[in-house]
PDB file of N, CA and C in Angstrom:
ATOM      1  N   UNK A   1      53.405 197.382  94.762  1.00  0.00           N
ATOM      2  CA  UNK A   1      54.837 197.466  94.629  1.00  0.00           C
ATOM      3  C   UNK A   1      55.230 197.878  93.218  1.00  0.00           C
ATOM      4  N   UNK A   2      56.169 198.766  93.134  1.00  0.00           N
ATOM      5  CA  UNK A   2      56.661 199.234  91.844  1.00  0.00           C
ATOM      6  C   UNK A   2      57.796 198.331  91.372  1.00  0.00           C
ATOM      7  N   UNK A   3      57.843 198.099  90.082  1.00  0.00           N
ATOM      8  CA  UNK A   3      58.907 197.273  89.514  1.00  0.00           C
ATOM      9  C   UNK A   3      60.189 198.096  89.425  1.00  0.00           C
ATOM     10  N   UNK A   4      61.318 197.417  89.641  1.00  0.00           N
ATOM     11  CA  UNK A   4      62.618 198.082  89.511  1.00  0.00           C
ATOM     12  C   UNK A   4      62.959 198.233  88.033  1.00  0.00           C
ATOM     13  N   UNK A   5      63.601 199.318  87.706  1.00  0.00           N
ATOM     14  CA  UNK A   5      64.028 199.514  86.332  1.00  0.00           C
ATOM     15  C   UNK A   5      65.209 198.581  86.038  1.00  0.00           C
ATOM     16  N   UNK A   6      65.176 197.929  84.905  1.00  0.00           N
ATOM     17  CA  UNK A   6      66.259 197.025  84.514  1.00  0.00           C
ATOM     18  C   UNK A   6      67.462 197.864  84.089  1.00  0.00           C
ATOM     19  N   UNK A   7      68.584 197.597  84.720  1.00  0.00           N
ATOM     20  CA  UNK A   7      69.809 198.304  84.374  1.00  0.00           C
ATOM     21  C   UNK A   7      70.380 197.703  83.095  1.00  0.00           C
ATOM     22  N   UNK A   8      70.768 198.535  82.146  1.00  0.00           N
ATOM     23  CA  UNK A   8      71.334 197.983  80.906  1.00  0.00           C
ATOM     24  C   UNK A   8      72.694 197.344  81.184  1.00  0.00           C
ATOM     25  N   UNK A   9      72.887 196.152  80.617  1.00  0.00           N
ATOM     26  CA  UNK A   9      74.166 195.453  80.793  1.00  0.00           C
ATOM     27  C   UNK A   9      75.215 196.069  79.878  1.00  0.00           C
ATOM     28  N   UNK A  10      76.394 196.215  80.402  1.00  0.00           N
ATOM     29  CA  UNK A  10      77.495 196.775  79.628  1.00  0.00           C
ATOM     30  C   UNK A  10      78.121 195.646  78.821  1.00  0.00           C
ATOM     31  N   UNK A  11      78.166 195.810  77.503  1.00  0.00           N
ATOM     32  CA  UNK A  11      78.741 194.806  76.614  1.00  0.00           C
ATOM     33  C   UNK A  11      80.137 195.269  76.215  1.00  0.00           C
ATOM     34  N   UNK A  12      81.124 194.452  76.519  1.00  0.00           N
ATOM     35  CA  UNK A  12      82.503 194.758  76.158  1.00  0.00           C
ATOM     36  C   UNK A  12      82.860 193.912  74.940  1.00  0.00           C
ATOM     37  N   UNK A  13      83.204 194.568  73.866  1.00  0.00           N
ATOM     38  CA  UNK A  13      83.565 193.864  72.639  1.00  0.00           C
ATOM     39  C   UNK A  13      85.074 193.648  72.633  1.00  0.00           C
ATOM     40  N   UNK A  14      85.499 192.413  72.811  1.00  0.00           N
ATOM     41  CA  UNK A  14      86.921 192.071  72.821  1.00  0.00           C
ATOM     42  C   UNK A  14      87.251 191.441  71.477  1.00  0.00           C
ATOM     43  N   UNK A  15      87.886 192.208  70.614  1.00  0.00           N
ATOM     44  CA  UNK A  15      88.208 191.748  69.265  1.00  0.00           C
ATOM     45  C   UNK A  15      89.179 190.576  69.294  1.00  0.00           C
ATOM     46  N   UNK A  16      90.141 190.595  70.212  1.00  0.00           N
ATOM     47  CA  UNK A  16      91.154 189.537  70.281  1.00  0.00           C
ATOM     48  C   UNK A  16      90.509 188.216  70.693  1.00  0.00           C
ATOM     49  N   UNK A  17      89.675 188.255  71.712  1.00  0.00           N
ATOM     50  CA  UNK A  17      89.033 187.036  72.173  1.00  0.00           C
ATOM     51  C   UNK A  17      88.033 186.503  71.148  1.00  0.00           C
ATOM     52  N   UNK A  18      87.453 187.392  70.388  1.00  0.00           N
ATOM     53  CA  UNK A  18      86.463 186.982  69.392  1.00  0.00           C
ATOM     54  C   UNK A  18      87.106 186.152  68.276  1.00  0.00           C
ATOM     55  N   UNK A  19      88.286 186.546  67.825  1.00  0.00           N
ATOM     56  CA  UNK A  19      88.953 185.871  66.711  1.00  0.00           C
ATOM     57  C   UNK A  19      90.091 184.968  67.162  1.00  0.00           C
ATOM     58  N   UNK A  20      90.168 184.664  68.445  1.00  0.00           N
ATOM     59  CA  UNK A  20      91.272 183.877  68.983  1.00  0.00           C
ATOM     60  C   UNK A  20      91.334 182.477  68.375  1.00  0.00           C
ATOM     61  N   UNK A  21      90.208 181.833  68.196  1.00  0.00           N
ATOM     62  CA  UNK A  21      90.206 180.450  67.739  1.00  0.00           C
ATOM     63  C   UNK A  21      90.496 180.332  66.240  1.00  0.00           C
ATOM     64  N   UNK A  22      90.338 181.402  65.505  1.00  0.00           N
ATOM     65  CA  UNK A  22      90.652 181.368  64.081  1.00  0.00           C
ATOM     66  C   UNK A  22      92.153 181.469  63.840  1.00  0.00           C
ATOM     67  N   UNK A  23      92.840 182.229  64.687  1.00  0.00           N
ATOM     68  CA  UNK A  23      94.249 182.527  64.448  1.00  0.00           C
ATOM     69  C   UNK A  23      95.172 181.582  65.221  1.00  0.00           C
ATOM     70  N   UNK A  24      94.893 181.359  66.484  1.00  0.00           N
ATOM     71  CA  UNK A  24      95.784 180.583  67.334  1.00  0.00           C
ATOM     72  C   UNK A  24      95.532 179.092  67.138  1.00  0.00           C
ATOM     73  N   UNK A  25      96.253 178.519  66.178  1.00  0.00           N
ATOM     74  CA  UNK A  25      96.139 177.096  65.910  1.00  0.00           C
ATOM     75  C   UNK A  25      97.530 176.507  65.826  1.00  0.00           C
ATOM     76  N   UNK A  26      97.620 175.220  66.110  1.00  0.00           N
ATOM     77  CA  UNK A  26      98.919 174.565  66.083  1.00  0.00           C
ATOM     78  C   UNK A  26      99.354 174.328  64.641  1.00  0.00           C
ATOM     79  N   UNK A  27     100.638 174.417  64.422  1.00  0.00           N
ATOM     80  CA  UNK A  27     101.213 174.198  63.103  1.00  0.00           C
ATOM     81  C   UNK A  27     102.382 173.244  63.224  1.00  0.00           C
ATOM     82  N   UNK A  28     102.675 172.515  62.144  1.00  0.00           N
ATOM     83  CA  UNK A  28     103.832 171.645  62.096  1.00  0.00           C
ATOM     84  C   UNK A  28     104.994 172.467  61.556  1.00  0.00           C
ATOM     85  N   UNK A  29     106.084 172.528  62.291  1.00  0.00           N
ATOM     86  CA  UNK A  29     107.229 173.310  61.881  1.00  0.00           C
ATOM     87  C   UNK A  29     108.192 172.446  61.080  1.00  0.00           C
ATOM     88  N   UNK A  30     108.886 173.083  60.150  1.00  0.00           N
ATOM     89  CA  UNK A  30     109.846 172.387  59.301  1.00  0.00           C
ATOM     90  C   UNK A  30     111.160 172.250  60.068  1.00  0.00           C
ATOM     91  N   UNK A  31     111.755 171.058  60.009  1.00  0.00           N
ATOM     92  CA  UNK A  31     113.035 170.832  60.675  1.00  0.00           C
ATOM     93  C   UNK A  31     114.147 171.378  59.791  1.00  0.00           C
ATOM     94  N   UNK A  32     114.721 172.500  60.190  1.00  0.00           N
ATOM     95  CA  UNK A  32     115.731 173.160  59.366  1.00  0.00           C
ATOM     96  C   UNK A  32     117.035 172.367  59.305  1.00  0.00           C
ATOM     97  N   UNK A  33     117.357 171.650  60.357  1.00  0.00           N
ATOM     98  CA  UNK A  33     118.602 170.885  60.371  1.00  0.00           C
ATOM     99  C   UNK A  33     118.540 169.750  59.359  1.00  0.00           C
ATOM    100  N   UNK A  34     117.405 169.066  59.287  1.00  0.00           N
ATOM    101  CA  UNK A  34     117.251 167.988  58.302  1.00  0.00           C
ATOM    102  C   UNK A  34     117.285 168.542  56.884  1.00  0.00           C
ATOM    103  N   UNK A  35     116.643 169.691  56.674  1.00  0.00           N
ATOM    104  CA  UNK A  35     116.662 170.297  55.345  1.00  0.00           C
ATOM    105  C   UNK A  35     118.055 170.744  54.949  1.00  0.00           C
ATOM    106  N   UNK A  36     118.836 171.229  55.898  1.00  0.00           N
ATOM    107  CA  UNK A  36     120.204 171.653  55.598  1.00  0.00           C
ATOM    108  C   UNK A  36     121.048 170.455  55.189  1.00  0.00           C
ATOM    109  N   UNK A  37     120.830 169.309  55.822  1.00  0.00           N
ATOM    110  CA  UNK A  37     121.564 168.100  55.451  1.00  0.00           C
ATOM    111  C   UNK A  37     121.173 167.620  54.056  1.00  0.00           C
ATOM    112  N   UNK A  38     119.935 167.866  53.670  1.00  0.00           N
ATOM    113  CA  UNK A  38     119.465 167.472  52.342  1.00  0.00           C
ATOM    114  C   UNK A  38     119.909 168.442  51.253  1.00  0.00           C
ATOM    115  N   UNK A  39     120.442 169.602  51.662  1.00  0.00           N
ATOM    116  CA  UNK A  39     120.932 170.572  50.688  1.00  0.00           C
ATOM    117  C   UNK A  39     119.981 171.704  50.422  1.00  0.00           C
ATOM    118  N   UNK A  40     118.917 171.818  51.195  1.00  0.00           N
ATOM    119  CA  UNK A  40     117.957 172.906  50.996  1.00  0.00           C
ATOM    120  C   UNK A  40     118.522 174.188  51.575  1.00  0.00           C
ATOM    121  N   UNK A  41     118.413 175.281  50.817  1.00  0.00           N
ATOM    122  CA  UNK A  41     118.767 176.595  51.341  1.00  0.00           C
ATOM    123  C   UNK A  41     117.627 177.545  51.016  1.00  0.00           C
ATOM    124  N   UNK A  42     117.240 178.347  51.967  1.00  0.00           N
ATOM    125  CA  UNK A  42     116.096 179.236  51.787  1.00  0.00           C
ATOM    126  C   UNK A  42     116.399 180.323  50.767  1.00  0.00           C
ATOM    127  N   UNK A  43     117.569 180.902  50.866  1.00  0.00           N
ATOM    128  CA  UNK A  43     117.972 181.951  49.936  1.00  0.00           C
ATOM    129  C   UNK A  43     119.043 181.364  49.031  1.00  0.00           C
ATOM    130  N   UNK A  44     118.723 181.225  47.777  1.00  0.00           N
ATOM    131  CA  UNK A  44     119.655 180.608  46.832  1.00  0.00           C
ATOM    132  C   UNK A  44     120.873 181.506  46.644  1.00  0.00           C
ATOM    133  N   UNK A  45     122.052 180.921  46.704  1.00  0.00           N
ATOM    134  CA  UNK A  45     123.300 181.667  46.563  1.00  0.00           C
ATOM    135  C   UNK A  45     123.835 181.497  45.144  1.00  0.00           C
ATOM    136  N   UNK A  46     124.429 182.552  44.618  1.00  0.00           N
ATOM    137  CA  UNK A  46     125.122 182.471  43.331  1.00  0.00           C
ATOM    138  C   UNK A  46     124.206 182.369  42.136  1.00  0.00           C
ATOM    139  N   UNK A  47     123.098 183.067  42.132  1.00  0.00           N
ATOM    140  CA  UNK A  47     122.189 182.990  40.989  1.00  0.00           C
ATOM    141  C   UNK A  47     122.679 183.830  39.825  1.00  0.00           C
ATOM    142  N   UNK A  48     123.458 184.872  40.105  1.00  0.00           N
ATOM    143  CA  UNK A  48     123.865 185.801  39.067  1.00  0.00           C
ATOM    144  C   UNK A  48     125.353 185.635  38.785  1.00  0.00           C
ATOM    145  N   UNK A  49     125.715 185.846  37.527  1.00  0.00           N
ATOM    146  CA  UNK A  49     127.130 185.773  37.181  1.00  0.00           C
ATOM    147  C   UNK A  49     127.804 187.087  37.579  1.00  0.00           C
ATOM    148  N   UNK A  50     129.101 187.147  37.409  1.00  0.00           N
ATOM    149  CA  UNK A  50     129.867 188.328  37.808  1.00  0.00           C
ATOM    150  C   UNK A  50     129.608 189.518  36.882  1.00  0.00           C
ATOM    151  N   UNK A  51     129.022 189.282  35.691  1.00  0.00           N
ATOM    152  CA  UNK A  51     128.735 190.377  34.762  1.00  0.00           C
ATOM    153  C   UNK A  51     127.716 191.345  35.340  1.00  0.00           C
ATOM    154  N   UNK A  52     126.833 190.847  36.173  1.00  0.00           N
ATOM    155  CA  UNK A  52     125.793 191.691  36.747  1.00  0.00           C
ATOM    156  C   UNK A  52     126.263 192.439  37.986  1.00  0.00           C
ATOM    157  N   UNK A  53     127.423 192.081  38.500  1.00  0.00           N
ATOM    158  CA  UNK A  53     127.927 192.721  39.711  1.00  0.00           C
ATOM    159  C   UNK A  53     129.281 193.373  39.473  1.00  0.00           C
ATOM    160  N   UNK A  54     129.325 194.487  38.785  1.00  0.00           N
ATOM    161  CA  UNK A  54     130.618 195.119  38.492  1.00  0.00           C
ATOM    162  C   UNK A  54     131.245 195.779  39.716  1.00  0.00           C
ATOM    163  N   UNK A  55     130.465 196.057  40.740  1.00  0.00           N
ATOM    164  CA  UNK A  55     131.026 196.712  41.920  1.00  0.00           C
ATOM    165  C   UNK A  55     131.994 195.798  42.682  1.00  0.00           C
ATOM    166  N   UNK A  56     131.887 194.498  42.508  1.00  0.00           N
ATOM    167  CA  UNK A  56     132.803 193.578  43.186  1.00  0.00           C
ATOM    168  C   UNK A  56     134.201 193.667  42.577  1.00  0.00           C
ATOM    169  N   UNK A  57     134.272 193.957  41.295  1.00  0.00           N
ATOM    170  CA  UNK A  57     135.565 194.052  40.647  1.00  0.00           C
ATOM    171  C   UNK A  57     136.370 195.238  41.169  1.00  0.00           C
ATOM    172  N   UNK A  58     135.679 196.300  41.553  1.00  0.00           N
ATOM    173  CA  UNK A  58     136.378 197.467  42.085  1.00  0.00           C
ATOM    174  C   UNK A  58     137.045 197.153  43.411  1.00  0.00           C
ATOM    175  N   UNK A  59     136.378 196.369  44.238  1.00  0.00           N
ATOM    176  CA  UNK A  59     136.953 196.022  45.544  1.00  0.00           C
ATOM    177  C   UNK A  59     138.070 194.994  45.418  1.00  0.00           C
ATOM    178  N   UNK A  60     137.952 194.094  44.470  1.00  0.00           N
ATOM    179  CA  UNK A  60     138.979 193.066  44.306  1.00  0.00           C
ATOM    180  C   UNK A  60     140.255 193.635  43.691  1.00  0.00           C
ATOM    181  N   UNK A  61     140.125 194.610  42.822  1.00  0.00           N
ATOM    182  CA  UNK A  61     141.272 195.168  42.135  1.00  0.00           C
ATOM    183  C   UNK A  61     142.069 196.134  43.041  1.00  0.00           C
ATOM    184  N   UNK A  62     141.416 196.669  44.047  1.00  0.00           N
ATOM    185  CA  UNK A  62     142.096 197.652  44.891  1.00  0.00           C
ATOM    186  C   UNK A  62     143.063 197.033  45.859  1.00  0.00           C
TER     187      UNK A  62
END
């Protein structure tokens, strides 16, 4: 009896499945409502004086 030739197995490289466990992890989210009550703001307002914004004077004077 002749031996059967072994068929090569097709290897599918799935990049997403390979790195899934490194990226998809649970995180603790920050409660924005509690931070707002404490006075936290993500984008600070009013950092610059009016000297740096002369274009506002043109709109106010018109």
